[in-house]
Every structure is written in C-alpha cells, then in structure tokens.
Amino acid sequence: MARQSISFTQPNDEWLKTQVDNQEYSSKSELVNDLIRQARSQQVQIDWIKSKLDKAENSGFTSDNKSEILKQSKAILNG
C-alpha cells in the first residue's frame, strides 16, 4: 500500500479524530480510504447520469427535460 503524507485543516482533523475516537474507524487512514471509495462510487453514478442526460438530449427521442431525466435516473439507481 502506498504511503502518503497529507495535511488537514483543523476542523477536518478534529472531525477525523472524533470518528476514530468514537470507534467508527480504527484509524484516520481507514476513514480517508473509505471516504475516497465513497467519492469514487458517487463519481461513477454521476458519470452514468451525465451520459444518460447527454444521450437523451442528443437523441431527440425524449421530451423530458434534464431535471425529469435526473429524477428518473436517481429512481433507477436507488431502486
């Protein structure tokens, strides 16, 4: 595993420490890795939604606007 040295603002460092102190995570590294995994997963969803919006806008086969397509896509993603 690659080792990195990063700096946090005081409020972020305090929040990280609180999560570890509350035993939500065993270390700051575990927490930061989990946050990165969550962000990556969200980016996959964002990219999927964006591709659906782009396809719909360019296809001419829908009369739905962006917000309607986004609402439909979120419903599909969230089950």
C-alpha atoms as a PDB file:
ATOM      1  CA  MET A   1       0.000   0.000   0.000  1.00  0.00           C
ATOM      2  CA  ALA A   2       1.354   3.430  -0.910  1.00  0.00           C
ATOM      3  CA  ARG A   3       2.151   5.731   1.977  1.00  0.00           C
ATOM      4  CA  GLN A   4       1.267   9.403   1.692  1.00  0.00           C
ATOM      5  CA  SER A   5       1.688  12.419   3.873  1.00  0.00           C
ATOM      6  CA  ILE A   6      -1.266  14.785   3.811  1.00  0.00           C
ATOM      7  CA  SER A   7      -2.316  17.820   5.820  1.00  0.00           C
ATOM      8  CA  PHE A   8      -5.803  18.626   7.085  1.00  0.00           C
ATOM      9  CA  THR A   9      -7.391  21.839   8.214  1.00  0.00           C
ATOM     10  CA  GLN A  10      -8.021  21.942  11.947  1.00  0.00           C
ATOM     11  CA  PRO A  11     -11.796  21.344  11.686  1.00  0.00           C
ATOM     12  CA  ASN A  12     -11.264  18.386   9.345  1.00  0.00           C
ATOM     13  CA  ASP A  13      -8.557  16.907  11.553  1.00  0.00           C
ATOM     14  CA  GLU A  14     -10.789  17.250  14.609  1.00  0.00           C
ATOM     15  CA  TRP A  15     -13.648  15.549  12.754  1.00  0.00           C
ATOM     16  CA  LEU A  16     -11.358  12.693  11.709  1.00  0.00           C
ATOM     17  CA  LYS A  17     -10.109  12.294  15.284  1.00  0.00           C
ATOM     18  CA  THR A  18     -13.692  12.220  16.577  1.00  0.00           C
ATOM     19  CA  GLN A  19     -14.630   9.441  14.161  1.00  0.00           C
ATOM     20  CA  VAL A  20     -11.641   7.383  15.293  1.00  0.00           C
ATOM     21  CA  ASP A  21     -12.281   8.189  18.985  1.00  0.00           C
ATOM     22  CA  ASN A  22     -15.905   7.069  18.564  1.00  0.00           C
ATOM     23  CA  GLN A  23     -14.538   3.798  17.173  1.00  0.00           C
ATOM     24  CA  GLU A  24     -16.296   4.323  13.856  1.00  0.00           C
ATOM     25  CA  TYR A  25     -12.903   3.623  12.259  1.00  0.00           C
ATOM     26  CA  SER A  26      -9.693   2.209  13.641  1.00  0.00           C
ATOM     27  CA  SER A  27      -7.509   4.935  12.103  1.00  0.00           C
ATOM     28  CA  LYS A  28      -7.591   8.139  10.101  1.00  0.00           C
ATOM     29  CA  SER A  29      -6.151   6.221   7.150  1.00  0.00           C
ATOM     30  CA  GLU A  30      -9.049   3.761   7.193  1.00  0.00           C
ATOM     31  CA  LEU A  31     -11.516   6.650   7.300  1.00  0.00           C
ATOM     32  CA  VAL A  32      -9.831   8.592   4.488  1.00  0.00           C
ATOM     33  CA  ASN A  33      -9.752   5.447   2.321  1.00  0.00           C
ATOM     34  CA  ASP A  34     -13.458   4.886   2.991  1.00  0.00           C
ATOM     35  CA  LEU A  35     -14.259   8.492   2.052  1.00  0.00           C
ATOM     36  CA  ILE A  36     -12.293   8.107  -1.174  1.00  0.00           C
ATOM     37  CA  ARG A  37     -14.157   4.854  -2.005  1.00  0.00           C
ATOM     38  CA  GLN A  38     -17.465   6.650  -1.435  1.00  0.00           C
ATOM     39  CA  ALA A  39     -16.413   9.575  -3.637  1.00  0.00           C
ATOM     40  CA  ARG A  40     -15.318   7.198  -6.395  1.00  0.00           C
ATOM     41  CA  SER A  41     -18.647   5.380  -6.226  1.00  0.00           C
ATOM     42  CA  GLN A  42     -20.532   8.672  -6.393  1.00  0.00           C
ATOM     43  CA  GLN A  43     -18.460   9.716  -9.398  1.00  0.00           C
ATOM     44  CA  VAL A  44     -19.445   6.516 -11.210  1.00  0.00           C
ATOM     45  CA  GLN A  45     -23.098   7.358 -10.576  1.00  0.00           C
ATOM     46  CA  ILE A  46     -22.616  10.975 -11.667  1.00  0.00           C
ATOM     47  CA  ASP A  47     -20.893   9.862 -14.858  1.00  0.00           C
ATOM     48  CA  TRP A  48     -23.717   7.376 -15.580  1.00  0.00           C
ATOM     49  CA  ILE A  49     -26.375  10.043 -15.075  1.00  0.00           C
ATOM     50  CA  LYS A  50     -24.461  12.536 -17.202  1.00  0.00           C
ATOM     51  CA  SER A  51     -24.137  10.023 -20.041  1.00  0.00           C
ATOM     52  CA  LYS A  52     -27.878   9.331 -19.891  1.00  0.00           C
ATOM     53  CA  LEU A  53     -28.633  13.064 -19.945  1.00  0.00           C
ATOM     54  CA  ASP A  54     -26.271  13.643 -22.864  1.00  0.00           C
ATOM     55  CA  LYS A  55     -27.721  10.720 -24.814  1.00  0.00           C
ATOM     56  CA  ALA A  56     -31.286  11.870 -24.192  1.00  0.00           C
ATOM     57  CA  GLU A  57     -30.533  15.451 -25.179  1.00  0.00           C
ATOM     58  CA  ASN A  58     -28.739  14.406 -28.358  1.00  0.00           C
ATOM     59  CA  SER A  59     -31.132  11.656 -29.437  1.00  0.00           C
ATOM     60  CA  GLY A  60     -34.204  13.794 -29.903  1.00  0.00           C
ATOM     61  CA  PHE A  61     -36.365  10.880 -28.737  1.00  0.00           C
ATOM     62  CA  THR A  62     -37.425  12.388 -25.426  1.00  0.00           C
ATOM     63  CA  SER A  63     -39.468  15.356 -24.413  1.00  0.00           C
ATOM     64  CA  ASP A  64     -38.230  15.125 -20.808  1.00  0.00           C
ATOM     65  CA  ASN A  65     -36.076  17.937 -19.518  1.00  0.00           C
ATOM     66  CA  LYS A  66     -32.840  17.488 -17.567  1.00  0.00           C
ATOM     67  CA  SER A  67     -34.491  17.540 -14.155  1.00  0.00           C
ATOM     68  CA  GLU A  68     -37.037  14.902 -15.195  1.00  0.00           C
ATOM     69  CA  ILE A  69     -34.342  12.633 -16.592  1.00  0.00           C
ATOM     70  CA  LEU A  70     -32.247  13.145 -13.469  1.00  0.00           C
ATOM     71  CA  LYS A  71     -35.217  12.251 -11.268  1.00  0.00           C
ATOM     72  CA  GLN A  72     -35.879   9.086 -13.308  1.00  0.00           C
ATOM     73  CA  SER A  73     -32.203   8.108 -13.209  1.00  0.00           C
ATOM     74  CA  LYS A  74     -31.983   8.583  -9.449  1.00  0.00           C
ATOM     75  CA  ALA A  75     -35.084   6.446  -9.004  1.00  0.00           C
ATOM     76  CA  ILE A  76     -33.441   3.682 -11.049  1.00  0.00           C
ATOM     77  CA  LEU A  77     -30.144   3.947  -9.151  1.00  0.00           C
ATOM     78  CA  ASN A  78     -31.831   3.989  -5.728  1.00  0.00           C
ATOM     79  CA  GLY A  79     -34.140   1.091  -6.511  1.00  0.00           C
END
